Amino acid sequence: MNPLAAPPQPPYWAVVFTSVRRGGADDGYGRTAEAMLARAREQPGFLGVETARGADGVGITVSYWTSLEAIDRWRRDPAHMAAKARAGEWYADHRLRICRVEANGADGP
């Protein structure tokens, strides 16, 4: 399976989540992350995801969506809200950015 998403031709939306993981034993993070990815894939408007985490604990996850409305539905999903409520347990710091994608690679200015 290719780890790179294959979104459609622009425009579409990207949610960029950057984080620094706290160290910890089995704190439920891995299971929750897998469950959230599976749930996101079921959401209307979800296009794909790319994720990476370095040995230093810094991670970047970019999810792609058809619209701001689709992103908002995901934001309000009850299971997603429950997972977000645990962010302080799992992350020393995190940021979220929402971007409109206007061009893919060579299609850009």
PDB file of N, CA and C in Angstrom:
ATOM      1  N   MET A   1       0.839  -1.182   0.000  1.00  0.00           N
ATOM      2  CA  MET A   1       0.000   0.000   0.000  1.00  0.00           C
ATOM      3  C   MET A   1       0.883   1.244   0.000  1.00  0.00           C
ATOM      4  N   ASN A   2       0.621   2.164  -0.886  1.00  0.00           N
ATOM      5  CA  ASN A   2       1.405   3.387  -0.982  1.00  0.00           C
ATOM      6  C   ASN A   2       1.101   4.293   0.215  1.00  0.00           C
ATOM      7  N   PRO A   3       2.126   4.731   0.954  1.00  0.00           N
ATOM      8  CA  PRO A   3       1.877   5.585   2.117  1.00  0.00           C
ATOM      9  C   PRO A   3       1.535   7.036   1.755  1.00  0.00           C
ATOM     10  N   LEU A   4       1.624   7.378   0.475  1.00  0.00           N
ATOM     11  CA  LEU A   4       1.285   8.733   0.047  1.00  0.00           C
ATOM     12  C   LEU A   4      -0.149   8.777  -0.456  1.00  0.00           C
ATOM     13  N   ALA A   5      -0.881   9.790  -0.023  1.00  0.00           N
ATOM     14  CA  ALA A   5      -2.265   9.953  -0.450  1.00  0.00           C
ATOM     15  C   ALA A   5      -2.313  10.335  -1.924  1.00  0.00           C
ATOM     16  N   ALA A   6      -3.422  10.056  -2.550  1.00  0.00           N
ATOM     17  CA  ALA A   6      -3.620  10.404  -3.960  1.00  0.00           C
ATOM     18  C   ALA A   6      -4.872  11.270  -4.090  1.00  0.00           C
ATOM     19  N   PRO A   7      -4.813  12.512  -3.582  1.00  0.00           N
ATOM     20  CA  PRO A   7      -5.992  13.362  -3.665  1.00  0.00           C
ATOM     21  C   PRO A   7      -6.309  13.739  -5.110  1.00  0.00           C
ATOM     22  N   PRO A   8      -7.511  14.257  -5.326  1.00  0.00           N
ATOM     23  CA  PRO A   8      -7.921  14.626  -6.686  1.00  0.00           C
ATOM     24  C   PRO A   8      -7.255  15.926  -7.130  1.00  0.00           C
ATOM     25  N   GLN A   9      -7.621  16.379  -8.293  1.00  0.00           N
ATOM     26  CA  GLN A   9      -7.160  17.677  -8.767  1.00  0.00           C
ATOM     27  C   GLN A   9      -7.694  18.763  -7.829  1.00  0.00           C
ATOM     28  N   PRO A  10      -6.901  19.782  -7.565  1.00  0.00           N
ATOM     29  CA  PRO A  10      -7.339  20.874  -6.694  1.00  0.00           C
ATOM     30  C   PRO A  10      -8.526  21.617  -7.312  1.00  0.00           C
ATOM     31  N   PRO A  11      -9.242  22.325  -6.482  1.00  0.00           N
ATOM     32  CA  PRO A  11      -8.944  22.599  -5.077  1.00  0.00           C
ATOM     33  C   PRO A  11      -9.515  21.525  -4.155  1.00  0.00           C
ATOM     34  N   TYR A  12      -8.871  21.356  -3.013  1.00  0.00           N
ATOM     35  CA  TYR A  12      -9.343  20.525  -1.908  1.00  0.00           C
ATOM     36  C   TYR A  12      -8.685  21.086  -0.663  1.00  0.00           C
ATOM     37  N   TRP A  13      -8.890  20.467   0.459  1.00  0.00           N
ATOM     38  CA  TRP A  13      -8.427  21.003   1.747  1.00  0.00           C
ATOM     39  C   TRP A  13      -7.474  20.032   2.423  1.00  0.00           C
ATOM     40  N   ALA A  14      -6.505  20.586   3.143  1.00  0.00           N
ATOM     41  CA  ALA A  14      -5.545  19.791   3.914  1.00  0.00           C
ATOM     42  C   ALA A  14      -5.594  20.250   5.371  1.00  0.00           C
ATOM     43  N   VAL A  15      -5.646  19.292   6.270  1.00  0.00           N
ATOM     44  CA  VAL A  15      -5.535  19.558   7.704  1.00  0.00           C
ATOM     45  C   VAL A  15      -4.158  19.063   8.123  1.00  0.00           C
ATOM     46  N   VAL A  16      -3.323  19.966   8.590  1.00  0.00           N
ATOM     47  CA  VAL A  16      -1.945  19.654   8.966  1.00  0.00           C
ATOM     48  C   VAL A  16      -1.874  19.650  10.492  1.00  0.00           C
ATOM     49  N   PHE A  17      -1.594  18.478  11.054  1.00  0.00           N
ATOM     50  CA  PHE A  17      -1.484  18.322  12.498  1.00  0.00           C
ATOM     51  C   PHE A  17      -0.029  18.006  12.827  1.00  0.00           C
ATOM     52  N   THR A  18       0.633  18.904  13.525  1.00  0.00           N
ATOM     53  CA  THR A  18       2.007  18.661  13.957  1.00  0.00           C
ATOM     54  C   THR A  18       1.989  18.494  15.470  1.00  0.00           C
ATOM     55  N   SER A  19       2.851  17.604  15.965  1.00  0.00           N
ATOM     56  CA  SER A  19       2.815  17.301  17.392  1.00  0.00           C
ATOM     57  C   SER A  19       4.177  16.828  17.893  1.00  0.00           C
ATOM     58  N   VAL A  20       4.316  16.907  19.209  1.00  0.00           N
ATOM     59  CA  VAL A  20       5.463  16.329  19.904  1.00  0.00           C
ATOM     60  C   VAL A  20       4.879  15.331  20.897  1.00  0.00           C
ATOM     61  N   ARG A  21       5.183  14.060  20.714  1.00  0.00           N
ATOM     62  CA  ARG A  21       4.669  12.990  21.576  1.00  0.00           C
ATOM     63  C   ARG A  21       5.359  12.994  22.919  1.00  0.00           C
ATOM     64  N   ARG A  22       4.570  12.753  23.947  1.00  0.00           N
ATOM     65  CA  ARG A  22       5.134  12.480  25.271  1.00  0.00           C
ATOM     66  C   ARG A  22       5.593  11.025  25.262  1.00  0.00           C
ATOM     67  N   GLY A  23       6.645  10.737  25.998  1.00  0.00           N
ATOM     68  CA  GLY A  23       7.048   9.339  26.149  1.00  0.00           C
ATOM     69  C   GLY A  23       6.027   8.640  27.028  1.00  0.00           C
ATOM     70  N   GLY A  24       5.902   7.376  26.869  1.00  0.00           N
ATOM     71  CA  GLY A  24       4.955   6.661  27.709  1.00  0.00           C
ATOM     72  C   GLY A  24       4.849   5.217  27.304  1.00  0.00           C
ATOM     73  N   ALA A  25       4.491   4.421  28.271  1.00  0.00           N
ATOM     74  CA  ALA A  25       4.272   3.003  28.009  1.00  0.00           C
ATOM     75  C   ALA A  25       2.979   2.881  27.204  1.00  0.00           C
ATOM     76  N   ASP A  26       2.288   1.799  27.341  1.00  0.00           N
ATOM     77  CA  ASP A  26       1.047   1.589  26.608  1.00  0.00           C
ATOM     78  C   ASP A  26      -0.027   2.504  27.185  1.00  0.00           C
ATOM     79  N   ASP A  27      -0.111   3.714  26.648  1.00  0.00           N
ATOM     80  CA  ASP A  27      -1.081   4.695  27.133  1.00  0.00           C
ATOM     81  C   ASP A  27      -2.326   4.750  26.263  1.00  0.00           C
ATOM     82  N   GLY A  28      -2.484   3.799  25.361  1.00  0.00           N
ATOM     83  CA  GLY A  28      -3.647   3.754  24.500  1.00  0.00           C
ATOM     84  C   GLY A  28      -3.520   4.584  23.234  1.00  0.00           C
ATOM     85  N   TYR A  29      -2.404   5.288  23.083  1.00  0.00           N
ATOM     86  CA  TYR A  29      -2.240   6.177  21.932  1.00  0.00           C
ATOM     87  C   TYR A  29      -2.306   5.404  20.605  1.00  0.00           C
ATOM     88  N   GLY A  30      -1.526   4.351  20.478  1.00  0.00           N
ATOM     89  CA  GLY A  30      -1.468   3.603  19.219  1.00  0.00           C
ATOM     90  C   GLY A  30      -2.822   3.051  18.814  1.00  0.00           C
ATOM     91  N   ARG A  31      -3.523   2.446  19.756  1.00  0.00           N
ATOM     92  CA  ARG A  31      -4.850   1.895  19.452  1.00  0.00           C
ATOM     93  C   ARG A  31      -5.826   3.004  19.052  1.00  0.00           C
ATOM     94  N   THR A  32      -5.758   4.120  19.767  1.00  0.00           N
ATOM     95  CA  THR A  32      -6.655   5.228  19.453  1.00  0.00           C
ATOM     96  C   THR A  32      -6.338   5.826  18.090  1.00  0.00           C
ATOM     97  N   ALA A  33      -5.057   6.003  17.784  1.00  0.00           N
ATOM     98  CA  ALA A  33      -4.669   6.555  16.482  1.00  0.00           C
ATOM     99  C   ALA A  33      -5.156   5.656  15.346  1.00  0.00           C
ATOM    100  N   GLU A  34      -5.015   4.355  15.491  1.00  0.00           N
ATOM    101  CA  GLU A  34      -5.483   3.424  14.461  1.00  0.00           C
ATOM    102  C   GLU A  34      -6.997   3.489  14.315  1.00  0.00           C
ATOM    103  N   ALA A  35      -7.708   3.562  15.437  1.00  0.00           N
ATOM    104  CA  ALA A  35      -9.168   3.640  15.399  1.00  0.00           C
ATOM    105  C   ALA A  35      -9.626   4.945  14.749  1.00  0.00           C
ATOM    106  N   MET A  36      -8.939   6.039  15.034  1.00  0.00           N
ATOM    107  CA  MET A  36      -9.315   7.332  14.445  1.00  0.00           C
ATOM    108  C   MET A  36      -9.064   7.340  12.942  1.00  0.00           C
ATOM    109  N   LEU A  37      -7.982   6.731  12.503  1.00  0.00           N
ATOM    110  CA  LEU A  37      -7.708   6.658  11.070  1.00  0.00           C
ATOM    111  C   LEU A  37      -8.788   5.834  10.372  1.00  0.00           C
ATOM    112  N   ALA A  38      -9.152   4.713  10.943  1.00  0.00           N
ATOM    113  CA  ALA A  38     -10.199   3.881  10.349  1.00  0.00           C
ATOM    114  C   ALA A  38     -11.523   4.644  10.301  1.00  0.00           C
ATOM    115  N   ARG A  39     -11.823   5.371  11.362  1.00  0.00           N
ATOM    116  CA  ARG A  39     -13.071   6.141  11.409  1.00  0.00           C
ATOM    117  C   ARG A  39     -13.033   7.300  10.405  1.00  0.00           C
ATOM    118  N   ALA A  40     -11.900   7.981  10.294  1.00  0.00           N
ATOM    119  CA  ALA A  40     -11.782   9.088   9.336  1.00  0.00           C
ATOM    120  C   ALA A  40     -12.021   8.591   7.919  1.00  0.00           C
ATOM    121  N   ARG A  41     -11.490   7.424   7.598  1.00  0.00           N
ATOM    122  CA  ARG A  41     -11.658   6.868   6.245  1.00  0.00           C
ATOM    123  C   ARG A  41     -13.123   6.633   5.894  1.00  0.00           C
ATOM    124  N   GLU A  42     -13.976   6.495   6.905  1.00  0.00           N
ATOM    125  CA  GLU A  42     -15.405   6.270   6.684  1.00  0.00           C
ATOM    126  C   GLU A  42     -16.183   7.572   6.521  1.00  0.00           C
ATOM    127  N   GLN A  43     -15.546   8.708   6.791  1.00  0.00           N
ATOM    128  CA  GLN A  43     -16.240   9.994   6.774  1.00  0.00           C
ATOM    129  C   GLN A  43     -16.468  10.493   5.354  1.00  0.00           C
ATOM    130  N   PRO A  44     -17.673  11.020   5.083  1.00  0.00           N
ATOM    131  CA  PRO A  44     -17.904  11.650   3.774  1.00  0.00           C
ATOM    132  C   PRO A  44     -16.935  12.815   3.591  1.00  0.00           C
ATOM    133  N   GLY A  45     -16.303  12.878   2.432  1.00  0.00           N
ATOM    134  CA  GLY A  45     -15.388  13.962   2.141  1.00  0.00           C
ATOM    135  C   GLY A  45     -13.932  13.681   2.459  1.00  0.00           C
ATOM    136  N   PHE A  46     -13.625  12.561   3.102  1.00  0.00           N
ATOM    137  CA  PHE A  46     -12.237  12.199   3.394  1.00  0.00           C
ATOM    138  C   PHE A  46     -11.574  11.719   2.109  1.00  0.00           C
ATOM    139  N   LEU A  47     -10.367  12.251   1.834  1.00  0.00           N
ATOM    140  CA  LEU A  47      -9.655  11.904   0.599  1.00  0.00           C
ATOM    141  C   LEU A  47      -8.399  11.073   0.816  1.00  0.00           C
ATOM    142  N   GLY A  48      -7.782  11.177   1.977  1.00  0.00           N
ATOM    143  CA  GLY A  48      -6.560  10.433   2.225  1.00  0.00           C
ATOM    144  C   GLY A  48      -5.765  11.057   3.357  1.00  0.00           C
ATOM    145  N   VAL A  49      -4.654  10.400   3.694  1.00  0.00           N
ATOM    146  CA  VAL A  49      -3.832  10.866   4.811  1.00  0.00           C
ATOM    147  C   VAL A  49      -2.384  10.460   4.578  1.00  0.00           C
ATOM    148  N   GLU A  50      -1.483  11.285   5.087  1.00  0.00           N
ATOM    149  CA  GLU A  50      -0.050  10.977   5.114  1.00  0.00           C
ATOM    150  C   GLU A  50       0.436  11.292   6.515  1.00  0.00           C
ATOM    151  N   THR A  51       1.317  10.456   7.062  1.00  0.00           N
ATOM    152  CA  THR A  51       1.781  10.681   8.421  1.00  0.00           C
ATOM    153  C   THR A  51       3.211  10.187   8.586  1.00  0.00           C
ATOM    154  N   ALA A  52       3.936  10.874   9.450  1.00  0.00           N
ATOM    155  CA  ALA A  52       5.316  10.481   9.761  1.00  0.00           C
ATOM    156  C   ALA A  52       5.635  10.950  11.175  1.00  0.00           C
ATOM    157  N   ARG A  53       6.492  10.188  11.866  1.00  0.00           N
ATOM    158  CA  ARG A  53       6.945  10.581  13.202  1.00  0.00           C
ATOM    159  C   ARG A  53       8.425  10.250  13.303  1.00  0.00           C
ATOM    160  N   GLY A  54       9.199  11.239  13.746  1.00  0.00           N
ATOM    161  CA  GLY A  54      10.629  11.059  13.906  1.00  0.00           C
ATOM    162  C   GLY A  54      10.982  10.439  15.247  1.00  0.00           C
ATOM    163  N   ALA A  55      12.220   9.996  15.373  1.00  0.00           N
ATOM    164  CA  ALA A  55      12.708   9.402  16.621  1.00  0.00           C
ATOM    165  C   ALA A  55      12.655  10.396  17.774  1.00  0.00           C
ATOM    166  N   ASP A  56      12.643  11.690  17.449  1.00  0.00           N
ATOM    167  CA  ASP A  56      12.582  12.724  18.486  1.00  0.00           C
ATOM    168  C   ASP A  56      11.162  12.961  18.991  1.00  0.00           C
ATOM    169  N   GLY A  57      10.186  12.230  18.455  1.00  0.00           N
ATOM    170  CA  GLY A  57       8.800  12.364  18.891  1.00  0.00           C
ATOM    171  C   GLY A  57       7.984  13.367  18.101  1.00  0.00           C
ATOM    172  N   VAL A  58       8.615  14.107  17.191  1.00  0.00           N
ATOM    173  CA  VAL A  58       7.892  15.085  16.385  1.00  0.00           C
ATOM    174  C   VAL A  58       7.166  14.356  15.250  1.00  0.00           C
ATOM    175  N   GLY A  59       5.884  14.646  15.119  1.00  0.00           N
ATOM    176  CA  GLY A  59       5.091  14.005  14.083  1.00  0.00           C
ATOM    177  C   GLY A  59       4.322  15.009  13.254  1.00  0.00           C
ATOM    178  N   ILE A  60       4.039  14.631  12.031  1.00  0.00           N
ATOM    179  CA  ILE A  60       3.217  15.432  11.135  1.00  0.00           C
ATOM    180  C   ILE A  60       2.220  14.495  10.470  1.00  0.00           C
ATOM    181  N   THR A  61       0.966  14.856  10.565  1.00  0.00           N
ATOM    182  CA  THR A  61      -0.090  14.126   9.876  1.00  0.00           C
ATOM    183  C   THR A  61      -0.853  15.129   9.028  1.00  0.00           C
ATOM    184  N   VAL A  62      -1.009  14.805   7.754  1.00  0.00           N
ATOM    185  CA  VAL A  62      -1.775  15.653   6.847  1.00  0.00           C
ATOM    186  C   VAL A  62      -2.946  14.819   6.327  1.00  0.00           C
ATOM    187  N   SER A  63      -4.160  15.274   6.617  1.00  0.00           N
ATOM    188  CA  SER A  63      -5.338  14.615   6.063  1.00  0.00           C
ATOM    189  C   SER A  63      -5.947  15.531   5.016  1.00  0.00           C
ATOM    190  N   TYR A  64      -6.542  14.932   3.998  1.00  0.00           N
ATOM    191  CA  TYR A  64      -7.080  15.667   2.864  1.00  0.00           C
ATOM    192  C   TYR A  64      -8.594  15.484   2.811  1.00  0.00           C
ATOM    193  N   TRP A  65      -9.292  16.590   2.499  1.00  0.00           N
ATOM    194  CA  TRP A  65     -10.753  16.619   2.562  1.00  0.00           C
ATOM    195  C   TRP A  65     -11.319  17.390   1.374  1.00  0.00           C
ATOM    196  N   THR A  66     -12.552  17.085   1.024  1.00  0.00           N
ATOM    197  CA  THR A  66     -13.202  17.750  -0.095  1.00  0.00           C
ATOM    198  C   THR A  66     -13.659  19.159   0.240  1.00  0.00           C
ATOM    199  N   SER A  67     -13.942  19.442   1.521  1.00  0.00           N
ATOM    200  CA  SER A  67     -14.541  20.734   1.861  1.00  0.00           C
ATOM    201  C   SER A  67     -14.316  21.068   3.333  1.00  0.00           C
ATOM    202  N   LEU A  68     -14.525  22.323   3.658  1.00  0.00           N
ATOM    203  CA  LEU A  68     -14.494  22.739   5.064  1.00  0.00           C
ATOM    204  C   LEU A  68     -15.635  22.094   5.843  1.00  0.00           C
ATOM    205  N   GLU A  69     -16.763  21.867   5.190  1.00  0.00           N
ATOM    206  CA  GLU A  69     -17.890  21.210   5.854  1.00  0.00           C
ATOM    207  C   GLU A  69     -17.529  19.785   6.259  1.00  0.00           C
ATOM    208  N   ALA A  70     -16.809  19.068   5.399  1.00  0.00           N
ATOM    209  CA  ALA A  70     -16.373  17.707   5.733  1.00  0.00           C
ATOM    210  C   ALA A  70     -15.410  17.734   6.916  1.00  0.00           C
ATOM    211  N   ILE A  71     -14.510  18.704   6.935  1.00  0.00           N
ATOM    212  CA  ILE A  71     -13.569  18.846   8.057  1.00  0.00           C
ATOM    213  C   ILE A  71     -14.343  19.132   9.334  1.00  0.00           C
ATOM    214  N   ASP A  72     -15.335  19.997   9.261  1.00  0.00           N
ATOM    215  CA  ASP A  72     -16.120  20.332  10.447  1.00  0.00           C
ATOM    216  C   ASP A  72     -16.909  19.128  10.962  1.00  0.00           C
ATOM    217  N   ARG A  73     -17.471  18.337  10.047  1.00  0.00           N
ATOM    218  CA  ARG A  73     -18.171  17.113  10.482  1.00  0.00           C
ATOM    219  C   ARG A  73     -17.211  16.192  11.224  1.00  0.00           C
ATOM    220  N   TRP A  74     -15.989  16.044  10.714  1.00  0.00           N
ATOM    221  CA  TRP A  74     -14.989  15.206  11.374  1.00  0.00           C
ATOM    222  C   TRP A  74     -14.613  15.781  12.736  1.00  0.00           C
ATOM    223  N   ARG A  75     -14.466  17.099  12.811  1.00  0.00           N
ATOM    224  CA  ARG A  75     -14.130  17.760  14.070  1.00  0.00           C
ATOM    225  C   ARG A  75     -15.190  17.467  15.129  1.00  0.00           C
ATOM    226  N   ARG A  76     -16.462  17.381  14.717  1.00  0.00           N
ATOM    227  CA  ARG A  76     -17.564  17.176  15.651  1.00  0.00           C
ATOM    228  C   ARG A  76     -17.919  15.705  15.875  1.00  0.00           C
ATOM    229  N   ASP A  77     -17.240  14.792  15.210  1.00  0.00           N
ATOM    230  CA  ASP A  77     -17.503  13.364  15.385  1.00  0.00           C
ATOM    231  C   ASP A  77     -17.278  12.985  16.854  1.00  0.00           C
ATOM    232  N   PRO A  78     -18.235  12.319  17.500  1.00  0.00           N
ATOM    233  CA  PRO A  78     -18.112  12.021  18.937  1.00  0.00           C
ATOM    234  C   PRO A  78     -16.857  11.222  19.317  1.00  0.00           C
ATOM    235  N   ALA A  79     -16.499  10.227  18.536  1.00  0.00           N
ATOM    236  CA  ALA A  79     -15.296   9.444  18.851  1.00  0.00           C
ATOM    237  C   ALA A  79     -14.038  10.299  18.678  1.00  0.00           C
ATOM    238  N   HIS A  80     -14.025  11.139  17.649  1.00  0.00           N
ATOM    239  CA  HIS A  80     -12.890  12.020  17.431  1.00  0.00           C
ATOM    240  C   HIS A  80     -12.782  13.031  18.580  1.00  0.00           C
ATOM    241  N   MET A  81     -13.912  13.562  19.022  1.00  0.00           N
ATOM    242  CA  MET A  81     -13.908  14.505  20.146  1.00  0.00           C
ATOM    243  C   MET A  81     -13.367  13.840  21.416  1.00  0.00           C
ATOM    244  N   ALA A  82     -13.729  12.595  21.650  1.00  0.00           N
ATOM    245  CA  ALA A  82     -13.234  11.869  22.830  1.00  0.00           C
ATOM    246  C   ALA A  82     -11.726  11.675  22.746  1.00  0.00           C
ATOM    247  N   ALA A  83     -11.229  11.351  21.562  1.00  0.00           N
ATOM    248  CA  ALA A  83      -9.779  11.183  21.388  1.00  0.00           C
ATOM    249  C   ALA A  83      -9.066  12.513  21.600  1.00  0.00           C
ATOM    250  N   LYS A  84      -9.606  13.600  21.052  1.00  0.00           N
ATOM    251  CA  LYS A  84      -8.983  14.919  21.219  1.00  0.00           C
ATOM    252  C   LYS A  84      -8.936  15.336  22.683  1.00  0.00           C
ATOM    253  N   ALA A  85      -9.912  14.900  23.469  1.00  0.00           N
ATOM    254  CA  ALA A  85      -9.928  15.245  24.888  1.00  0.00           C
ATOM    255  C   ALA A  85      -8.734  14.663  25.634  1.00  0.00           C
ATOM    256  N   ARG A  86      -8.095  13.660  25.062  1.00  0.00           N
ATOM    257  CA  ARG A  86      -6.930  13.023  25.688  1.00  0.00           C
ATOM    258  C   ARG A  86      -5.603  13.578  25.171  1.00  0.00           C
ATOM    259  N   ALA A  87      -5.637  14.612  24.348  1.00  0.00           N
ATOM    260  CA  ALA A  87      -4.425  15.163  23.734  1.00  0.00           C
ATOM    261  C   ALA A  87      -3.352  15.503  24.764  1.00  0.00           C
ATOM    262  N   GLY A  88      -3.732  16.034  25.906  1.00  0.00           N
ATOM    263  CA  GLY A  88      -2.758  16.396  26.944  1.00  0.00           C
ATOM    264  C   GLY A  88      -1.990  15.213  27.486  1.00  0.00           C
ATOM    265  N   GLU A  89      -2.581  14.032  27.435  1.00  0.00           N
ATOM    266  CA  GLU A  89      -1.895  12.813  27.883  1.00  0.00           C
ATOM    267  C   GLU A  89      -0.813  12.389  26.897  1.00  0.00           C
ATOM    268  N   TRP A  90      -1.072  12.633  25.619  1.00  0.00           N
ATOM    269  CA  TRP A  90      -0.233  12.076  24.560  1.00  0.00           C
ATOM    270  C   TRP A  90       0.769  13.039  23.965  1.00  0.00           C
ATOM    271  N   TYR A  91       0.465  14.337  24.023  1.00  0.00           N
ATOM    272  CA  TYR A  91       1.308  15.320  23.345  1.00  0.00           C
ATOM    273  C   TYR A  91       1.871  16.345  24.325  1.00  0.00           C
ATOM    274  N   ALA A  92       3.165  16.616  24.189  1.00  0.00           N
ATOM    275  CA  ALA A  92       3.783  17.708  24.941  1.00  0.00           C
ATOM    276  C   ALA A  92       3.399  19.038  24.302  1.00  0.00           C
ATOM    277  N   ASP A  93       3.149  19.031  22.997  1.00  0.00           N
ATOM    278  CA  ASP A  93       2.719  20.221  22.265  1.00  0.00           C
ATOM    279  C   ASP A  93       2.106  19.766  20.948  1.00  0.00           C
ATOM    280  N   HIS A  94       1.213  20.564  20.401  1.00  0.00           N
ATOM    281  CA  HIS A  94       0.636  20.246  19.097  1.00  0.00           C
ATOM    282  C   HIS A  94       0.034  21.494  18.462  1.00  0.00           C
ATOM    283  N   ARG A  95      -0.080  21.456  17.135  1.00  0.00           N
ATOM    284  CA  ARG A  95      -0.632  22.544  16.343  1.00  0.00           C
ATOM    285  C   ARG A  95      -1.519  21.956  15.238  1.00  0.00           C
ATOM    286  N   LEU A  96      -2.516  22.729  14.865  1.00  0.00           N
ATOM    287  CA  LEU A  96      -3.409  22.330  13.785  1.00  0.00           C
ATOM    288  C   LEU A  96      -3.538  23.494  12.802  1.00  0.00           C
ATOM    289  N   ARG A  97      -3.407  23.173  11.533  1.00  0.00           N
ATOM    290  CA  ARG A  97      -3.553  24.172  10.479  1.00  0.00           C
ATOM    291  C   ARG A  97      -4.457  23.603   9.393  1.00  0.00           C
ATOM    292  N   ILE A  98      -5.332  24.443   8.878  1.00  0.00           N
ATOM    293  CA  ILE A  98      -6.230  24.037   7.799  1.00  0.00           C
ATOM    294  C   ILE A  98      -5.893  24.885   6.586  1.00  0.00           C
ATOM    295  N   CYS A  99      -5.645  24.223   5.462  1.00  0.00           N
ATOM    296  CA  CYS A  99      -5.151  24.906   4.259  1.00  0.00           C
ATOM    297  C   CYS A  99      -5.973  24.491   3.042  1.00  0.00           C
ATOM    298  N   ARG A 100      -6.197  25.420   2.165  1.00  0.00           N
ATOM    299  CA  ARG A 100      -6.830  25.110   0.876  1.00  0.00           C
ATOM    300  C   ARG A 100      -5.692  24.806  -0.111  1.00  0.00           C
ATOM    301  N   VAL A 101      -5.770  23.649  -0.734  1.00  0.00           N
ATOM    302  CA  VAL A 101      -4.753  23.245  -1.713  1.00  0.00           C
ATOM    303  C   VAL A 101      -5.203  23.762  -3.083  1.00  0.00           C
ATOM    304  N   GLU A 102      -4.368  24.584  -3.675  1.00  0.00           N
ATOM    305  CA  GLU A 102      -4.678  25.205  -4.953  1.00  0.00           C
ATOM    306  C   GLU A 102      -3.980  24.517  -6.121  1.00  0.00           C
ATOM    307  N   ALA A 103      -2.902  23.776  -5.844  1.00  0.00           N
ATOM    308  CA  ALA A 103      -2.143  23.141  -6.919  1.00  0.00           C
ATOM    309  C   ALA A 103      -1.459  21.893  -6.390  1.00  0.00           C
ATOM    310  N   ASN A 104      -1.299  20.908  -7.269  1.00  0.00           N
ATOM    311  CA  ASN A 104      -0.527  19.690  -6.979  1.00  0.00           C
ATOM    312  C   ASN A 104       0.793  19.770  -7.722  1.00  0.00           C
ATOM    313  N   GLY A 105       1.896  19.710  -7.002  1.00  0.00           N
ATOM    314  CA  GLY A 105       3.220  19.615  -7.619  1.00  0.00           C
ATOM    315  C   GLY A 105       3.453  20.528  -8.793  1.00  0.00           C
ATOM    316  N   ALA A 106       3.666  19.955  -9.948  1.00  0.00           N
ATOM    317  CA  ALA A 106       4.017  20.713 -11.149  1.00  0.00           C
ATOM    318  C   ALA A 106       2.877  21.582 -11.650  1.00  0.00           C
ATOM    319  N   ASP A 107       1.660  21.392 -11.077  1.00  0.00           N
ATOM    320  CA  ASP A 107       0.524  22.204 -11.490  1.00  0.00           C
ATOM    321  C   ASP A 107       0.602  23.608 -10.910  1.00  0.00           C
ATOM    322  N   GLY A 108       1.530  23.818  -9.969  1.00  0.00           N
ATOM    323  CA  GLY A 108       1.603  25.092  -9.246  1.00  0.00           C
ATOM    324  C   GLY A 108       2.157  26.225 -10.081  1.00  0.00           C
ATOM    325  N   PRO A 109       2.200  27.409  -9.444  1.00  0.00           N
ATOM    326  CA  PRO A 109       2.668  28.603 -10.140  1.00  0.00           C
ATOM    327  C   PRO A 109       4.123  28.520 -10.563  1.00  0.00           C
TER     328      PRO A 109
END
